[in-house]
């Protein structure tokens, strides 16, 4: 029997970013979401126990800089998202939602980062 590894992605953002519908849709796509965590949470020593991160772009620039430096130091792939509740249409940023297309876009972008340049 083959075991399918489940990807675990941390959501770093505001409390309104992850709905039950989003969690269920991502789980169905074999992706475990952890969080949402606050930006301060990542400054703890053992906080980085996930394969990748999706960061809410609504943070202030200095917070984003601290987050990205910490993630890069640990070689954790990351990207930024705008919650679906903030925008009405899909073009543009990565969207954290229950839609399979949005899930696929984010996972593909994170996996493609492999050893390349970070965003």
PDB file of N, CA and C in Angstrom:
ATOM      1  N   UNK A   1       0.841  -1.181   0.000  1.00  0.00           N
ATOM      2  CA  UNK A   1       0.000   0.000   0.000  1.00  0.00           C
ATOM      3  C   UNK A   1       0.887   1.246   0.000  1.00  0.00           C
ATOM      4  N   UNK A   2       0.618   2.159  -0.897  1.00  0.00           N
ATOM      5  CA  UNK A   2       1.388   3.392  -1.011  1.00  0.00           C
ATOM      6  C   UNK A   2       0.827   4.442  -0.059  1.00  0.00           C
ATOM      7  N   UNK A   3       1.731   5.108   0.658  1.00  0.00           N
ATOM      8  CA  UNK A   3       1.318   6.174   1.566  1.00  0.00           C
ATOM      9  C   UNK A   3       1.449   7.504   0.848  1.00  0.00           C
ATOM     10  N   UNK A   4       0.413   8.304   0.890  1.00  0.00           N
ATOM     11  CA  UNK A   4       0.444   9.620   0.271  1.00  0.00           C
ATOM     12  C   UNK A   4       0.817  10.628   1.345  1.00  0.00           C
ATOM     13  N   UNK A   5       1.903  11.353   1.098  1.00  0.00           N
ATOM     14  CA  UNK A   5       2.354  12.354   2.045  1.00  0.00           C
ATOM     15  C   UNK A   5       1.466  13.591   1.939  1.00  0.00           C
ATOM     16  N   UNK A   6       1.112  14.135   3.084  1.00  0.00           N
ATOM     17  CA  UNK A   6       0.245  15.303   3.121  1.00  0.00           C
ATOM     18  C   UNK A   6       1.108  16.548   3.298  1.00  0.00           C
ATOM     19  N   UNK A   7       0.942  17.516   2.439  1.00  0.00           N
ATOM     20  CA  UNK A   7       1.654  18.781   2.526  1.00  0.00           C
ATOM     21  C   UNK A   7       1.022  19.623   3.627  1.00  0.00           C
ATOM     22  N   UNK A   8       1.854  20.210   4.485  1.00  0.00           N
ATOM     23  CA  UNK A   8       1.351  21.080   5.546  1.00  0.00           C
ATOM     24  C   UNK A   8       1.810  22.503   5.270  1.00  0.00           C
ATOM     25  N   UNK A   9       0.848  23.409   5.168  1.00  0.00           N
ATOM     26  CA  UNK A   9       1.131  24.814   4.882  1.00  0.00           C
ATOM     27  C   UNK A   9       0.619  25.664   6.032  1.00  0.00           C
ATOM     28  N   UNK A  10       1.479  26.560   6.511  1.00  0.00           N
ATOM     29  CA  UNK A  10       1.069  27.492   7.563  1.00  0.00           C
ATOM     30  C   UNK A  10       0.441  28.721   6.933  1.00  0.00           C
ATOM     31  N   UNK A  11      -0.665  29.147   7.488  1.00  0.00           N
ATOM     32  CA  UNK A  11      -1.302  30.393   7.075  1.00  0.00           C
ATOM     33  C   UNK A  11      -0.890  31.446   8.090  1.00  0.00           C
ATOM     34  N   UNK A  12      -0.242  32.491   7.616  1.00  0.00           N
ATOM     35  CA  UNK A  12       0.186  33.576   8.488  1.00  0.00           C
ATOM     36  C   UNK A  12      -0.656  34.777   8.112  1.00  0.00           C
ATOM     37  N   UNK A  13      -1.570  35.122   9.003  1.00  0.00           N
ATOM     38  CA  UNK A  13      -2.473  36.205   8.656  1.00  0.00           C
ATOM     39  C   UNK A  13      -3.466  36.534   9.737  1.00  0.00           C
ATOM     40  N   UNK A  14      -4.420  37.338   9.354  1.00  0.00           N
ATOM     41  CA  UNK A  14      -5.456  37.806  10.256  1.00  0.00           C
ATOM     42  C   UNK A  14      -6.418  36.659  10.591  1.00  0.00           C
ATOM     43  N   UNK A  15      -7.161  36.827  11.654  1.00  0.00           N
ATOM     44  CA  UNK A  15      -8.069  35.767  12.108  1.00  0.00           C
ATOM     45  C   UNK A  15      -9.184  35.464  11.114  1.00  0.00           C
ATOM     46  N   UNK A  16      -9.468  36.379  10.197  1.00  0.00           N
ATOM     47  CA  UNK A  16     -10.565  36.171   9.245  1.00  0.00           C
ATOM     48  C   UNK A  16     -10.138  35.455   7.967  1.00  0.00           C
ATOM     49  N   UNK A  17      -8.901  34.956   7.903  1.00  0.00           N
ATOM     50  CA  UNK A  17      -8.403  34.411   6.640  1.00  0.00           C
ATOM     51  C   UNK A  17      -8.822  32.986   6.335  1.00  0.00           C
ATOM     52  N   UNK A  18      -9.050  32.170   7.345  1.00  0.00           N
ATOM     53  CA  UNK A  18      -9.360  30.759   7.108  1.00  0.00           C
ATOM     54  C   UNK A  18     -10.762  30.434   7.610  1.00  0.00           C
ATOM     55  N   UNK A  19     -11.623  30.080   6.673  1.00  0.00           N
ATOM     56  CA  UNK A  19     -12.995  29.693   7.015  1.00  0.00           C
ATOM     57  C   UNK A  19     -13.077  28.167   7.054  1.00  0.00           C
ATOM     58  N   UNK A  20     -14.129  27.615   7.643  1.00  0.00           N
ATOM     59  CA  UNK A  20     -14.303  26.159   7.616  1.00  0.00           C
ATOM     60  C   UNK A  20     -14.364  25.611   6.184  1.00  0.00           C
ATOM     61  N   UNK A  21     -14.956  26.366   5.274  1.00  0.00           N
ATOM     62  CA  UNK A  21     -15.047  25.934   3.872  1.00  0.00           C
ATOM     63  C   UNK A  21     -13.655  25.837   3.243  1.00  0.00           C
ATOM     64  N   UNK A  22     -12.802  26.802   3.548  1.00  0.00           N
ATOM     65  CA  UNK A  22     -11.433  26.784   3.024  1.00  0.00           C
ATOM     66  C   UNK A  22     -10.683  25.580   3.578  1.00  0.00           C
ATOM     67  N   UNK A  23     -10.765  25.381   4.879  1.00  0.00           N
ATOM     68  CA  UNK A  23     -10.073  24.253   5.516  1.00  0.00           C
ATOM     69  C   UNK A  23     -10.508  22.927   4.905  1.00  0.00           C
ATOM     70  N   UNK A  24     -11.800  22.751   4.699  1.00  0.00           N
ATOM     71  CA  UNK A  24     -12.326  21.505   4.131  1.00  0.00           C
ATOM     72  C   UNK A  24     -11.838  21.299   2.695  1.00  0.00           C
ATOM     73  N   UNK A  25     -11.902  22.351   1.881  1.00  0.00           N
ATOM     74  CA  UNK A  25     -11.484  22.236   0.483  1.00  0.00           C
ATOM     75  C   UNK A  25      -9.999  21.891   0.373  1.00  0.00           C
ATOM     76  N   UNK A  26      -9.173  22.516   1.184  1.00  0.00           N
ATOM     77  CA  UNK A  26      -7.739  22.230   1.159  1.00  0.00           C
ATOM     78  C   UNK A  26      -7.465  20.816   1.663  1.00  0.00           C
ATOM     79  N   UNK A  27      -8.191  20.386   2.662  1.00  0.00           N
ATOM     80  CA  UNK A  27      -8.040  19.025   3.177  1.00  0.00           C
ATOM     81  C   UNK A  27      -8.400  18.004   2.100  1.00  0.00           C
ATOM     82  N   UNK A  28      -9.461  18.278   1.357  1.00  0.00           N
ATOM     83  CA  UNK A  28      -9.853  17.404   0.247  1.00  0.00           C
ATOM     84  C   UNK A  28      -8.775  17.343  -0.830  1.00  0.00           C
ATOM     85  N   UNK A  29      -7.979  18.413  -0.928  1.00  0.00           N
ATOM     86  CA  UNK A  29      -6.877  18.463  -1.894  1.00  0.00           C
ATOM     87  C   UNK A  29      -5.590  17.871  -1.302  1.00  0.00           C
ATOM     88  N   UNK A  30      -5.705  17.216  -0.149  1.00  0.00           N
ATOM     89  CA  UNK A  30      -4.584  16.607   0.561  1.00  0.00           C
ATOM     90  C   UNK A  30      -3.549  17.622   1.014  1.00  0.00           C
ATOM     91  N   UNK A  31      -4.016  18.789   1.414  1.00  0.00           N
ATOM     92  CA  UNK A  31      -3.147  19.829   1.952  1.00  0.00           C
ATOM     93  C   UNK A  31      -3.675  20.210   3.323  1.00  0.00           C
ATOM     94  N   UNK A  32      -2.812  20.102   4.323  1.00  0.00           N
ATOM     95  CA  UNK A  32      -3.202  20.491   5.670  1.00  0.00           C
ATOM     96  C   UNK A  32      -2.841  21.942   5.919  1.00  0.00           C
ATOM     97  N   UNK A  33      -3.813  22.719   6.333  1.00  0.00           N
ATOM     98  CA  UNK A  33      -3.553  24.113   6.685  1.00  0.00           C
ATOM     99  C   UNK A  33      -3.386  24.216   8.190  1.00  0.00           C
ATOM    100  N   UNK A  34      -2.362  24.953   8.619  1.00  0.00           N
ATOM    101  CA  UNK A  34      -2.162  25.237  10.037  1.00  0.00           C
ATOM    102  C   UNK A  34      -2.341  26.736  10.219  1.00  0.00           C
ATOM    103  N   UNK A  35      -3.030  27.109  11.268  1.00  0.00           N
ATOM    104  CA  UNK A  35      -3.216  28.529  11.531  1.00  0.00           C
ATOM    105  C   UNK A  35      -4.637  28.955  11.301  1.00  0.00           C
ATOM    106  N   UNK A  36      -4.875  30.234  11.191  1.00  0.00           N
ATOM    107  CA  UNK A  36      -3.874  31.269  10.933  1.00  0.00           C
ATOM    108  C   UNK A  36      -3.041  31.596  12.172  1.00  0.00           C
ATOM    109  N   UNK A  37      -1.753  31.822  11.919  1.00  0.00           N
ATOM    110  CA  UNK A  37      -0.825  32.259  12.948  1.00  0.00           C
ATOM    111  C   UNK A  37      -0.577  33.746  12.783  1.00  0.00           C
ATOM    112  N   UNK A  38      -0.310  34.403  13.883  1.00  0.00           N
ATOM    113  CA  UNK A  38       0.069  35.816  13.805  1.00  0.00           C
ATOM    114  C   UNK A  38       1.527  35.891  13.359  1.00  0.00           C
ATOM    115  N   UNK A  39       1.924  37.045  12.876  1.00  0.00           N
ATOM    116  CA  UNK A  39       3.312  37.240  12.460  1.00  0.00           C
ATOM    117  C   UNK A  39       4.254  37.029  13.640  1.00  0.00           C
ATOM    118  N   UNK A  40       3.848  37.435  14.824  1.00  0.00           N
ATOM    119  CA  UNK A  40       4.684  37.276  16.018  1.00  0.00           C
ATOM    120  C   UNK A  40       4.937  35.811  16.349  1.00  0.00           C
ATOM    121  N   UNK A  41       4.009  34.948  16.012  1.00  0.00           N
ATOM    122  CA  UNK A  41       4.155  33.517  16.309  1.00  0.00           C
ATOM    123  C   UNK A  41       5.420  32.944  15.681  1.00  0.00           C
ATOM    124  N   UNK A  42       5.777  33.405  14.494  1.00  0.00           N
ATOM    125  CA  UNK A  42       6.933  32.855  13.787  1.00  0.00           C
ATOM    126  C   UNK A  42       8.256  33.228  14.420  1.00  0.00           C
ATOM    127  N   UNK A  43       8.249  34.172  15.326  1.00  0.00           N
ATOM    128  CA  UNK A  43       9.496  34.566  15.973  1.00  0.00           C
ATOM    129  C   UNK A  43       9.882  33.595  17.085  1.00  0.00           C
ATOM    130  N   UNK A  44       8.984  32.700  17.456  1.00  0.00           N
ATOM    131  CA  UNK A  44       9.295  31.678  18.464  1.00  0.00           C
ATOM    132  C   UNK A  44      10.231  30.635  17.860  1.00  0.00           C
ATOM    133  N   UNK A  45      11.041  30.052  18.702  1.00  0.00           N
ATOM    134  CA  UNK A  45      12.090  29.140  18.237  1.00  0.00           C
ATOM    135  C   UNK A  45      11.576  27.927  17.471  1.00  0.00           C
ATOM    136  N   UNK A  46      10.532  27.274  17.943  1.00  0.00           N
ATOM    137  CA  UNK A  46      10.050  26.043  17.308  1.00  0.00           C
ATOM    138  C   UNK A  46       8.768  26.271  16.501  1.00  0.00           C
ATOM    139  N   UNK A  47       8.575  27.452  16.026  1.00  0.00           N
ATOM    140  CA  UNK A  47       7.328  27.789  15.340  1.00  0.00           C
ATOM    141  C   UNK A  47       7.279  27.301  13.897  1.00  0.00           C
ATOM    142  N   UNK A  48       8.413  27.010  13.315  1.00  0.00           N
ATOM    143  CA  UNK A  48       8.462  26.703  11.884  1.00  0.00           C
ATOM    144  C   UNK A  48       8.356  25.206  11.608  1.00  0.00           C
ATOM    145  N   UNK A  49       7.252  24.614  11.994  1.00  0.00           N
ATOM    146  CA  UNK A  49       7.041  23.182  11.796  1.00  0.00           C
ATOM    147  C   UNK A  49       6.021  22.939  10.687  1.00  0.00           C
ATOM    148  N   UNK A  50       6.362  23.385   9.486  1.00  0.00           N
ATOM    149  CA  UNK A  50       5.495  23.231   8.327  1.00  0.00           C
ATOM    150  C   UNK A  50       6.359  23.236   7.081  1.00  0.00           C
ATOM    151  N   UNK A  51       5.799  22.761   5.970  1.00  0.00           N
ATOM    152  CA  UNK A  51       6.557  22.627   4.726  1.00  0.00           C
ATOM    153  C   UNK A  51       6.620  23.913   3.910  1.00  0.00           C
ATOM    154  N   UNK A  52       5.622  24.763   4.070  1.00  0.00           N
ATOM    155  CA  UNK A  52       5.539  25.997   3.293  1.00  0.00           C
ATOM    156  C   UNK A  52       4.646  26.979   4.047  1.00  0.00           C
ATOM    157  N   UNK A  53       4.650  28.218   3.594  1.00  0.00           N
ATOM    158  CA  UNK A  53       3.830  29.233   4.253  1.00  0.00           C
ATOM    159  C   UNK A  53       3.140  30.115   3.220  1.00  0.00           C
ATOM    160  N   UNK A  54       1.953  30.558   3.594  1.00  0.00           N
ATOM    161  CA  UNK A  54       1.201  31.513   2.783  1.00  0.00           C
ATOM    162  C   UNK A  54       0.951  32.708   3.698  1.00  0.00           C
ATOM    163  N   UNK A  55       1.434  33.880   3.272  1.00  0.00           N
ATOM    164  CA  UNK A  55       1.433  35.068   4.117  1.00  0.00           C
ATOM    165  C   UNK A  55       0.407  36.087   3.624  1.00  0.00           C
ATOM    166  N   UNK A  56      -0.401  36.560   4.537  1.00  0.00           N
ATOM    167  CA  UNK A  56      -1.407  37.590   4.254  1.00  0.00           C
ATOM    168  C   UNK A  56      -0.689  38.899   3.923  1.00  0.00           C
ATOM    169  N   UNK A  57      -0.940  39.418   2.745  1.00  0.00           N
ATOM    170  CA  UNK A  57      -0.260  40.625   2.272  1.00  0.00           C
ATOM    171  C   UNK A  57      -0.726  41.891   3.000  1.00  0.00           C
ATOM    172  N   UNK A  58      -1.750  41.777   3.840  1.00  0.00           N
ATOM    173  CA  UNK A  58      -2.263  42.956   4.542  1.00  0.00           C
ATOM    174  C   UNK A  58      -1.385  43.405   5.705  1.00  0.00           C
ATOM    175  N   UNK A  59      -0.333  42.653   6.020  1.00  0.00           N
ATOM    176  CA  UNK A  59       0.586  43.088   7.079  1.00  0.00           C
ATOM    177  C   UNK A  59       1.353  44.326   6.641  1.00  0.00           C
ATOM    178  N   UNK A  60       1.844  45.067   7.617  1.00  0.00           N
ATOM    179  CA  UNK A  60       2.676  46.244   7.344  1.00  0.00           C
ATOM    180  C   UNK A  60       4.006  45.788   6.732  1.00  0.00           C
ATOM    181  N   UNK A  61       4.645  46.646   5.916  1.00  0.00           N
ATOM    182  CA  UNK A  61       5.895  46.259   5.250  1.00  0.00           C
ATOM    183  C   UNK A  61       6.994  45.767   6.195  1.00  0.00           C
ATOM    184  N   UNK A  62       7.156  46.397   7.353  1.00  0.00           N
ATOM    185  CA  UNK A  62       8.214  45.959   8.270  1.00  0.00           C
ATOM    186  C   UNK A  62       7.943  44.550   8.802  1.00  0.00           C
ATOM    187  N   UNK A  63       6.679  44.223   8.995  1.00  0.00           N
ATOM    188  CA  UNK A  63       6.306  42.883   9.454  1.00  0.00           C
ATOM    189  C   UNK A  63       6.569  41.869   8.338  1.00  0.00           C
ATOM    190  N   UNK A  64       6.191  42.219   7.121  1.00  0.00           N
ATOM    191  CA  UNK A  64       6.430  41.346   5.961  1.00  0.00           C
ATOM    192  C   UNK A  64       7.928  41.074   5.815  1.00  0.00           C
ATOM    193  N   UNK A  65       8.744  42.102   5.963  1.00  0.00           N
ATOM    194  CA  UNK A  65      10.195  41.942   5.836  1.00  0.00           C
ATOM    195  C   UNK A  65      10.729  40.972   6.887  1.00  0.00           C
ATOM    196  N   UNK A  66      10.309  41.134   8.135  1.00  0.00           N
ATOM    197  CA  UNK A  66      10.739  40.226   9.210  1.00  0.00           C
ATOM    198  C   UNK A  66      10.318  38.787   8.913  1.00  0.00           C
ATOM    199  N   UNK A  67       9.077  38.624   8.471  1.00  0.00           N
ATOM    200  CA  UNK A  67       8.563  37.286   8.155  1.00  0.00           C
ATOM    201  C   UNK A  67       9.365  36.622   7.039  1.00  0.00           C
ATOM    202  N   UNK A  68       9.576  37.355   5.968  1.00  0.00           N
ATOM    203  CA  UNK A  68      10.274  36.767   4.821  1.00  0.00           C
ATOM    204  C   UNK A  68      11.724  36.441   5.165  1.00  0.00           C
ATOM    205  N   UNK A  69      12.368  37.273   5.963  1.00  0.00           N
ATOM    206  CA  UNK A  69      13.743  36.985   6.373  1.00  0.00           C
ATOM    207  C   UNK A  69      13.796  35.692   7.184  1.00  0.00           C
ATOM    208  N   UNK A  70      12.843  35.517   8.077  1.00  0.00           N
ATOM    209  CA  UNK A  70      12.791  34.302   8.916  1.00  0.00           C
ATOM    210  C   UNK A  70      12.521  33.068   8.051  1.00  0.00           C
ATOM    211  N   UNK A  71      11.568  33.162   7.139  1.00  0.00           N
ATOM    212  CA  UNK A  71      11.247  32.030   6.271  1.00  0.00           C
ATOM    213  C   UNK A  71      12.422  31.684   5.358  1.00  0.00           C
ATOM    214  N   UNK A  72      13.063  32.692   4.804  1.00  0.00           N
ATOM    215  CA  UNK A  72      14.204  32.450   3.919  1.00  0.00           C
ATOM    216  C   UNK A  72      15.372  31.835   4.672  1.00  0.00           C
ATOM    217  N   UNK A  73      15.590  32.279   5.902  1.00  0.00           N
ATOM    218  CA  UNK A  73      16.682  31.729   6.709  1.00  0.00           C
ATOM    219  C   UNK A  73      16.500  30.229   6.936  1.00  0.00           C
ATOM    220  N   UNK A  74      15.265  29.787   6.977  1.00  0.00           N
ATOM    221  CA  UNK A  74      14.955  28.368   7.185  1.00  0.00           C
ATOM    222  C   UNK A  74      14.670  27.634   5.869  1.00  0.00           C
ATOM    223  N   UNK A  75      14.823  28.328   4.735  1.00  0.00           N
ATOM    224  CA  UNK A  75      14.570  27.759   3.399  1.00  0.00           C
ATOM    225  C   UNK A  75      13.153  27.206   3.270  1.00  0.00           C
ATOM    226  N   UNK A  76      12.193  27.924   3.832  1.00  0.00           N
ATOM    227  CA  UNK A  76      10.787  27.531   3.737  1.00  0.00           C
ATOM    228  C   UNK A  76      10.143  28.300   2.589  1.00  0.00           C
ATOM    229  N   UNK A  77       9.585  27.604   1.596  1.00  0.00           N
ATOM    230  CA  UNK A  77       8.916  28.296   0.495  1.00  0.00           C
ATOM    231  C   UNK A  77       7.700  29.065   1.011  1.00  0.00           C
ATOM    232  N   UNK A  78       7.477  30.219   0.430  1.00  0.00           N
ATOM    233  CA  UNK A  78       6.334  31.035   0.848  1.00  0.00           C
ATOM    234  C   UNK A  78       5.848  31.865  -0.324  1.00  0.00           C
ATOM    235  N   UNK A  79       4.643  32.337  -0.182  1.00  0.00           N
ATOM    236  CA  UNK A  79       4.107  33.324  -1.107  1.00  0.00           C
ATOM    237  C   UNK A  79       3.068  34.137  -0.358  1.00  0.00           C
ATOM    238  N   UNK A  80       2.586  35.172  -1.018  1.00  0.00           N
ATOM    239  CA  UNK A  80       1.621  36.077  -0.398  1.00  0.00           C
ATOM    240  C   UNK A  80       0.238  35.838  -0.985  1.00  0.00           C
ATOM    241  N   UNK A  81      -0.779  36.120  -0.185  1.00  0.00           N
ATOM    242  CA  UNK A  81      -2.149  35.975  -0.664  1.00  0.00           C
ATOM    243  C   UNK A  81      -2.998  37.147  -0.191  1.00  0.00           C
ATOM    244  N   UNK A  82      -4.104  37.289  -0.864  1.00  0.00           N
ATOM    245  CA  UNK A  82      -5.158  38.215  -0.463  1.00  0.00           C
ATOM    246  C   UNK A  82      -6.376  37.340  -0.180  1.00  0.00           C
ATOM    247  N   UNK A  83      -6.998  37.472   0.983  1.00  0.00           N
ATOM    248  CA  UNK A  83      -8.184  36.655   1.261  1.00  0.00           C
ATOM    249  C   UNK A  83      -9.282  36.900   0.228  1.00  0.00           C
ATOM    250  N   UNK A  84     -10.009  35.856  -0.082  1.00  0.00           N
ATOM    251  CA  UNK A  84     -11.087  35.953  -1.068  1.00  0.00           C
ATOM    252  C   UNK A  84     -12.115  37.005  -0.672  1.00  0.00           C
ATOM    253  N   UNK A  85     -12.273  37.235   0.609  1.00  0.00           N
ATOM    254  CA  UNK A  85     -13.253  38.221   1.068  1.00  0.00           C
ATOM    255  C   UNK A  85     -12.835  39.649   0.751  1.00  0.00           C
ATOM    256  N   UNK A  86     -11.568  39.848   0.421  1.00  0.00           N
ATOM    257  CA  UNK A  86     -11.058  41.197   0.170  1.00  0.00           C
ATOM    258  C   UNK A  86     -11.256  41.622  -1.280  1.00  0.00           C
ATOM    259  N   UNK A  87     -11.251  40.668  -2.189  1.00  0.00           N
ATOM    260  CA  UNK A  87     -11.401  41.012  -3.606  1.00  0.00           C
ATOM    261  C   UNK A  87     -12.556  40.238  -4.223  1.00  0.00           C
ATOM    262  N   UNK A  88     -13.044  40.738  -5.320  1.00  0.00           N
ATOM    263  CA  UNK A  88     -14.196  40.118  -5.981  1.00  0.00           C
ATOM    264  C   UNK A  88     -13.824  39.216  -7.147  1.00  0.00           C
ATOM    265  N   UNK A  89     -12.612  39.365  -7.676  1.00  0.00           N
ATOM    266  CA  UNK A  89     -12.251  38.575  -8.853  1.00  0.00           C
ATOM    267  C   UNK A  89     -10.907  37.885  -8.650  1.00  0.00           C
ATOM    268  N   UNK A  90     -10.683  36.833  -9.425  1.00  0.00           N
ATOM    269  CA  UNK A  90      -9.488  36.016  -9.257  1.00  0.00           C
ATOM    270  C   UNK A  90      -8.200  36.563  -9.871  1.00  0.00           C
ATOM    271  N   UNK A  91      -8.224  37.416 -10.905  1.00  0.00           N
ATOM    272  CA  UNK A  91      -6.958  37.825 -11.508  1.00  0.00           C
ATOM    273  C   UNK A  91      -6.080  38.571 -10.508  1.00  0.00           C
ATOM    274  N   UNK A  92      -4.792  38.370 -10.638  1.00  0.00           N
ATOM    275  CA  UNK A  92      -3.873  39.123  -9.793  1.00  0.00           C
ATOM    276  C   UNK A  92      -3.203  38.274  -8.736  1.00  0.00           C
ATOM    277  N   UNK A  93      -3.444  38.550  -7.468  1.00  0.00           N
ATOM    278  CA  UNK A  93      -2.695  37.897  -6.393  1.00  0.00           C
ATOM    279  C   UNK A  93      -3.148  36.458  -6.153  1.00  0.00           C
ATOM    280  N   UNK A  94      -2.372  35.747  -5.344  1.00  0.00           N
ATOM    281  CA  UNK A  94      -2.793  34.414  -4.913  1.00  0.00           C
ATOM    282  C   UNK A  94      -3.984  34.584  -3.994  1.00  0.00           C
ATOM    283  N   UNK A  95      -4.978  33.741  -4.153  1.00  0.00           N
ATOM    284  CA  UNK A  95      -6.211  33.871  -3.376  1.00  0.00           C
ATOM    285  C   UNK A  95      -6.386  32.644  -2.501  1.00  0.00           C
ATOM    286  N   UNK A  96      -6.538  32.870  -1.197  1.00  0.00           N
ATOM    287  CA  UNK A  96      -6.799  31.785  -0.263  1.00  0.00           C
ATOM    288  C   UNK A  96      -8.302  31.597  -0.194  1.00  0.00           C
ATOM    289  N   UNK A  97      -8.780  30.511  -0.784  1.00  0.00           N
ATOM    290  CA  UNK A  97     -10.220  30.257  -0.829  1.00  0.00           C
ATOM    291  C   UNK A  97     -10.469  28.757  -0.858  1.00  0.00           C
ATOM    292  N   UNK A  98     -11.744  28.388  -1.014  1.00  0.00           N
ATOM    293  CA  UNK A  98     -12.097  26.974  -1.115  1.00  0.00           C
ATOM    294  C   UNK A  98     -12.083  26.470  -2.560  1.00  0.00           C
ATOM    295  N   UNK A  99     -11.856  27.343  -3.535  1.00  0.00           N
ATOM    296  CA  UNK A  99     -11.878  26.956  -4.952  1.00  0.00           C
ATOM    297  C   UNK A  99     -10.665  26.098  -5.316  1.00  0.00           C
ATOM    298  N   UNK A 100     -10.903  24.996  -5.993  1.00  0.00           N
ATOM    299  CA  UNK A 100      -9.808  24.084  -6.343  1.00  0.00           C
ATOM    300  C   UNK A 100      -8.761  24.765  -7.232  1.00  0.00           C
ATOM    301  N   UNK A 101      -9.181  25.679  -8.096  1.00  0.00           N
ATOM    302  CA  UNK A 101      -8.227  26.385  -8.963  1.00  0.00           C
ATOM    303  C   UNK A 101      -7.262  27.223  -8.131  1.00  0.00           C
ATOM    304  N   UNK A 102      -7.780  27.884  -7.085  1.00  0.00           N
ATOM    305  CA  UNK A 102      -6.936  28.710  -6.226  1.00  0.00           C
ATOM    306  C   UNK A 102      -5.961  27.840  -5.432  1.00  0.00           C
ATOM    307  N   UNK A 103      -6.442  26.697  -4.949  1.00  0.00           N
ATOM    308  CA  UNK A 103      -5.587  25.766  -4.210  1.00  0.00           C
ATOM    309  C   UNK A 103      -4.454  25.281  -5.112  1.00  0.00           C
ATOM    310  N   UNK A 104      -4.811  24.855  -6.327  1.00  0.00           N
ATOM    311  CA  UNK A 104      -3.829  24.352  -7.283  1.00  0.00           C
ATOM    312  C   UNK A 104      -2.781  25.401  -7.629  1.00  0.00           C
ATOM    313  N   UNK A 105      -3.204  26.642  -7.829  1.00  0.00           N
ATOM    314  CA  UNK A 105      -2.285  27.721  -8.172  1.00  0.00           C
ATOM    315  C   UNK A 105      -1.265  27.945  -7.066  1.00  0.00           C
ATOM    316  N   UNK A 106      -1.726  27.973  -5.817  1.00  0.00           N
ATOM    317  CA  UNK A 106      -0.825  28.203  -4.688  1.00  0.00           C
ATOM    318  C   UNK A 106       0.137  27.036  -4.509  1.00  0.00           C
ATOM    319  N   UNK A 107      -0.381  25.822  -4.515  1.00  0.00           N
ATOM    320  CA  UNK A 107       0.479  24.652  -4.319  1.00  0.00           C
ATOM    321  C   UNK A 107       1.511  24.563  -5.437  1.00  0.00           C
ATOM    322  N   UNK A 108       1.115  24.785  -6.675  1.00  0.00           N
ATOM    323  CA  UNK A 108       2.046  24.734  -7.806  1.00  0.00           C
ATOM    324  C   UNK A 108       3.155  25.767  -7.665  1.00  0.00           C
ATOM    325  N   UNK A 109       2.794  26.977  -7.253  1.00  0.00           N
ATOM    326  CA  UNK A 109       3.790  28.037  -7.090  1.00  0.00           C
ATOM    327  C   UNK A 109       4.775  27.711  -5.972  1.00  0.00           C
ATOM    328  N   UNK A 110       4.281  27.130  -4.879  1.00  0.00           N
ATOM    329  CA  UNK A 110       5.170  26.771  -3.768  1.00  0.00           C
ATOM    330  C   UNK A 110       6.103  25.626  -4.150  1.00  0.00           C
ATOM    331  N   UNK A 111       5.571  24.618  -4.815  1.00  0.00           N
ATOM    332  CA  UNK A 111       6.380  23.470  -5.214  1.00  0.00           C
ATOM    333  C   UNK A 111       7.431  23.895  -6.238  1.00  0.00           C
ATOM    334  N   UNK A 112       7.088  24.811  -7.120  1.00  0.00           N
ATOM    335  CA  UNK A 112       8.007  25.270  -8.159  1.00  0.00           C
ATOM    336  C   UNK A 112       9.191  26.043  -7.592  1.00  0.00           C
ATOM    337  N   UNK A 113       9.063  26.557  -6.370  1.00  0.00           N
ATOM    338  CA  UNK A 113      10.155  27.332  -5.781  1.00  0.00           C
ATOM    339  C   UNK A 113      11.366  26.473  -5.473  1.00  0.00           C
ATOM    340  N   UNK A 114      11.159  25.187  -5.240  1.00  0.00           N
ATOM    341  CA  UNK A 114      12.259  24.248  -5.008  1.00  0.00           C
ATOM    342  C   UNK A 114      13.532  24.889  -4.512  1.00  0.00           C
ATOM    343  N   UNK A 115      14.507  25.055  -5.388  1.00  0.00           N
ATOM    344  CA  UNK A 115      15.780  25.657  -5.003  1.00  0.00           C
ATOM    345  C   UNK A 115      15.979  27.021  -5.614  1.00  0.00           C
ATOM    346  N   UNK A 116      14.930  27.587  -6.177  1.00  0.00           N
ATOM    347  CA  UNK A 116      15.058  28.863  -6.875  1.00  0.00           C
ATOM    348  C   UNK A 116      14.931  30.077  -5.984  1.00  0.00           C
ATOM    349  N   UNK A 117      14.804  31.198  -6.625  1.00  0.00           N
ATOM    350  CA  UNK A 117      14.669  32.470  -5.935  1.00  0.00           C
ATOM    351  C   UNK A 117      13.331  32.562  -5.242  1.00  0.00           C
ATOM    352  N   UNK A 118      13.341  33.107  -4.045  1.00  0.00           N
ATOM    353  CA  UNK A 118      12.112  33.290  -3.280  1.00  0.00           C
ATOM    354  C   UNK A 118      11.439  34.587  -3.696  1.00  0.00           C
ATOM    355  N   UNK A 119      10.116  34.662  -3.484  1.00  0.00           N
ATOM    356  CA  UNK A 119       9.351  35.869  -3.830  1.00  0.00           C
ATOM    357  C   UNK A 119       9.692  36.996  -2.893  1.00  0.00           C
TER     358      UNK A 119
END
